[in-house]
Amino acid sequence: MTLNVHWHPEAQDEFRSEIRWYDDREAGLGDRFEGEVVAAVVDSVDAPEAWPPWPDWDREPLVRSKRVAGFPYRVVYFVDNDLLTVVAVAASKRLPGYWRDRIEQ
């Protein structure tokens, strides 16, 4: 089954913001960050169950996260039928679980 990808609007906004932040630090770093996040999303689409469930997540949908290579971020997502929804591009050590309200209960 091929999964379609949907970005939660707040996840898309934070992703764009982090790209700009990295670009402000060093030319080309934002592009590298963007490429690694996209690669993490593609890996998640290709093998959505390969990445661990979010710690202490005890409800549906099952939320998982995939580390972003070379950066201290995780792509946080869940799969519902044929749709993978990215709910956050979350800094690994900053405010864990801040995105929880983005998932309908």
C-alpha atoms as a PDB file:
ATOM      1  CA  MET A   1       0.000   0.000   0.000  1.00  0.00           C
ATOM      2  CA  THR A   2       1.239   3.453  -0.861  1.00  0.00           C
ATOM      3  CA  LEU A   3       0.702   6.096   1.794  1.00  0.00           C
ATOM      4  CA  ASN A   4      -0.177   9.681   1.052  1.00  0.00           C
ATOM      5  CA  VAL A   5       1.399  12.357   3.236  1.00  0.00           C
ATOM      6  CA  HIS A   6      -0.464  15.126   5.011  1.00  0.00           C
ATOM      7  CA  TRP A   7       1.270  17.809   7.067  1.00  0.00           C
ATOM      8  CA  HIS A   8      -0.559  19.264  10.029  1.00  0.00           C
ATOM      9  CA  PRO A   9      -0.513  23.050   9.385  1.00  0.00           C
ATOM     10  CA  GLU A  10       1.419  23.747  12.588  1.00  0.00           C
ATOM     11  CA  ALA A  11       3.978  21.068  11.699  1.00  0.00           C
ATOM     12  CA  GLN A  12       4.447  22.642   8.290  1.00  0.00           C
ATOM     13  CA  ASP A  13       4.872  26.090   9.864  1.00  0.00           C
ATOM     14  CA  GLU A  14       7.459  24.888  12.375  1.00  0.00           C
ATOM     15  CA  PHE A  15       9.325  23.017   9.623  1.00  0.00           C
ATOM     16  CA  ARG A  16       9.573  26.182   7.526  1.00  0.00           C
ATOM     17  CA  SER A  17      10.607  28.187  10.579  1.00  0.00           C
ATOM     18  CA  GLU A  18      13.416  25.752  11.413  1.00  0.00           C
ATOM     19  CA  ILE A  19      14.653  25.821   7.806  1.00  0.00           C
ATOM     20  CA  ARG A  20      14.921  29.627   8.060  1.00  0.00           C
ATOM     21  CA  TRP A  21      16.622  29.359  11.463  1.00  0.00           C
ATOM     22  CA  TYR A  22      19.280  27.034  10.076  1.00  0.00           C
ATOM     23  CA  ASP A  23      19.736  29.226   6.984  1.00  0.00           C
ATOM     24  CA  ASP A  24      20.380  32.211   9.242  1.00  0.00           C
ATOM     25  CA  ARG A  25      23.160  30.261  10.978  1.00  0.00           C
ATOM     26  CA  GLU A  26      25.017  29.058   7.894  1.00  0.00           C
ATOM     27  CA  ALA A  27      24.368  29.259   4.145  1.00  0.00           C
ATOM     28  CA  GLY A  28      23.037  25.956   2.866  1.00  0.00           C
ATOM     29  CA  LEU A  29      22.357  24.485   6.300  1.00  0.00           C
ATOM     30  CA  GLY A  30      18.619  25.094   5.932  1.00  0.00           C
ATOM     31  CA  ASP A  31      18.645  23.159   2.652  1.00  0.00           C
ATOM     32  CA  ARG A  32      20.475  20.291   4.333  1.00  0.00           C
ATOM     33  CA  PHE A  33      17.981  20.272   7.213  1.00  0.00           C
ATOM     34  CA  GLU A  34      15.067  20.319   4.762  1.00  0.00           C
ATOM     35  CA  GLY A  35      16.535  17.389   2.825  1.00  0.00           C
ATOM     36  CA  GLU A  36      17.056  15.308   5.953  1.00  0.00           C
ATOM     37  CA  VAL A  37      13.503  15.969   7.203  1.00  0.00           C
ATOM     38  CA  VAL A  38      12.089  15.024   3.805  1.00  0.00           C
ATOM     39  CA  ALA A  39      14.244  11.862   3.844  1.00  0.00           C
ATOM     40  CA  ALA A  40      12.862  10.983   7.304  1.00  0.00           C
ATOM     41  CA  VAL A  41       9.309  11.435   6.017  1.00  0.00           C
ATOM     42  CA  VAL A  42      10.046   9.255   2.964  1.00  0.00           C
ATOM     43  CA  ASP A  43      11.546   6.566   5.212  1.00  0.00           C
ATOM     44  CA  SER A  44       8.417   6.739   7.379  1.00  0.00           C
ATOM     45  CA  VAL A  45       6.184   6.331   4.332  1.00  0.00           C
ATOM     46  CA  ASP A  46       8.248   3.402   3.093  1.00  0.00           C
ATOM     47  CA  ALA A  47       8.221   1.602   6.464  1.00  0.00           C
ATOM     48  CA  PRO A  48       5.739   3.310   8.795  1.00  0.00           C
ATOM     49  CA  GLU A  49       5.924   0.665  11.519  1.00  0.00           C
ATOM     50  CA  ALA A  50       9.734   0.562  11.600  1.00  0.00           C
ATOM     51  CA  TRP A  51      10.018   3.492  13.981  1.00  0.00           C
ATOM     52  CA  PRO A  52       9.176   3.295  17.654  1.00  0.00           C
ATOM     53  CA  PRO A  53       5.865   4.397  19.123  1.00  0.00           C
ATOM     54  CA  TRP A  54       6.007   7.592  21.129  1.00  0.00           C
ATOM     55  CA  PRO A  55       6.860   6.757  24.767  1.00  0.00           C
ATOM     56  CA  ASP A  56       3.810   6.459  27.027  1.00  0.00           C
ATOM     57  CA  TRP A  57       1.398   6.988  24.124  1.00  0.00           C
ATOM     58  CA  ASP A  58      -1.592   4.810  25.015  1.00  0.00           C
ATOM     59  CA  ARG A  59      -4.318   5.731  22.562  1.00  0.00           C
ATOM     60  CA  GLU A  60      -5.205   5.626  18.903  1.00  0.00           C
ATOM     61  CA  PRO A  61      -3.893   6.679  16.543  1.00  0.00           C
ATOM     62  CA  LEU A  62      -0.529   5.186  17.422  1.00  0.00           C
ATOM     63  CA  VAL A  63       2.029   7.986  17.194  1.00  0.00           C
ATOM     64  CA  ARG A  64       5.577   7.195  16.098  1.00  0.00           C
ATOM     65  CA  SER A  65       8.699   9.225  15.500  1.00  0.00           C
ATOM     66  CA  LYS A  66      11.669   8.988  13.163  1.00  0.00           C
ATOM     67  CA  ARG A  67      14.977  10.682  13.958  1.00  0.00           C
ATOM     68  CA  VAL A  68      16.213  13.294  11.480  1.00  0.00           C
ATOM     69  CA  ALA A  69      19.772  12.354  10.472  1.00  0.00           C
ATOM     70  CA  GLY A  70      22.395  14.902  11.451  1.00  0.00           C
ATOM     71  CA  PHE A  71      20.025  17.159  13.414  1.00  0.00           C
ATOM     72  CA  PRO A  72      18.488  16.983  16.897  1.00  0.00           C
ATOM     73  CA  TYR A  73      14.930  16.599  15.577  1.00  0.00           C
ATOM     74  CA  ARG A  74      12.310  13.919  15.145  1.00  0.00           C
ATOM     75  CA  VAL A  75       9.493  13.669  12.620  1.00  0.00           C
ATOM     76  CA  VAL A  76       6.389  12.798  14.671  1.00  0.00           C
ATOM     77  CA  TYR A  77       3.619  11.084  12.714  1.00  0.00           C
ATOM     78  CA  PHE A  78       0.737   8.664  12.711  1.00  0.00           C
ATOM     79  CA  VAL A  79      -0.888   6.516  10.042  1.00  0.00           C
ATOM     80  CA  ASP A  80      -4.615   6.251   9.490  1.00  0.00           C
ATOM     81  CA  ASN A  81      -5.675   4.014   6.597  1.00  0.00           C
ATOM     82  CA  ASP A  82      -3.576   5.196   3.624  1.00  0.00           C
ATOM     83  CA  LEU A  83      -2.612   8.573   5.100  1.00  0.00           C
ATOM     84  CA  LEU A  84       0.568   9.378   7.035  1.00  0.00           C
ATOM     85  CA  THR A  85       0.081  12.607   8.969  1.00  0.00           C
ATOM     86  CA  VAL A  86       3.133  14.555  10.121  1.00  0.00           C
ATOM     87  CA  VAL A  87       2.115  16.254  13.369  1.00  0.00           C
ATOM     88  CA  ALA A  88       5.492  17.781  14.290  1.00  0.00           C
ATOM     89  CA  VAL A  89       9.085  18.350  13.346  1.00  0.00           C
ATOM     90  CA  ALA A  90      10.109  18.369  16.977  1.00  0.00           C
ATOM     91  CA  ALA A  91      13.408  19.290  18.564  1.00  0.00           C
ATOM     92  CA  SER A  92      14.480  16.194  20.467  1.00  0.00           C
ATOM     93  CA  LYS A  93      15.101  17.894  23.806  1.00  0.00           C
ATOM     94  CA  ARG A  94      12.679  20.829  23.703  1.00  0.00           C
ATOM     95  CA  LEU A  95       9.179  20.505  25.201  1.00  0.00           C
ATOM     96  CA  PRO A  96       8.515  16.794  24.584  1.00  0.00           C
ATOM     97  CA  GLY A  97       4.932  16.129  23.561  1.00  0.00           C
ATOM     98  CA  TYR A  98       3.992  19.781  22.914  1.00  0.00           C
ATOM     99  CA  TRP A  99       2.237  18.619  19.736  1.00  0.00           C
ATOM    100  CA  ARG A 100      -0.233  16.271  21.491  1.00  0.00           C
ATOM    101  CA  ASP A 101      -3.178  18.638  21.019  1.00  0.00           C
ATOM    102  CA  ARG A 102      -2.693  18.404  17.240  1.00  0.00           C
ATOM    103  CA  ILE A 103      -4.131  14.901  17.284  1.00  0.00           C
ATOM    104  CA  GLU A 104      -7.903  14.658  17.489  1.00  0.00           C
ATOM    105  CA  GLN A 105      -9.185  12.431  20.237  1.00  0.00           C
END
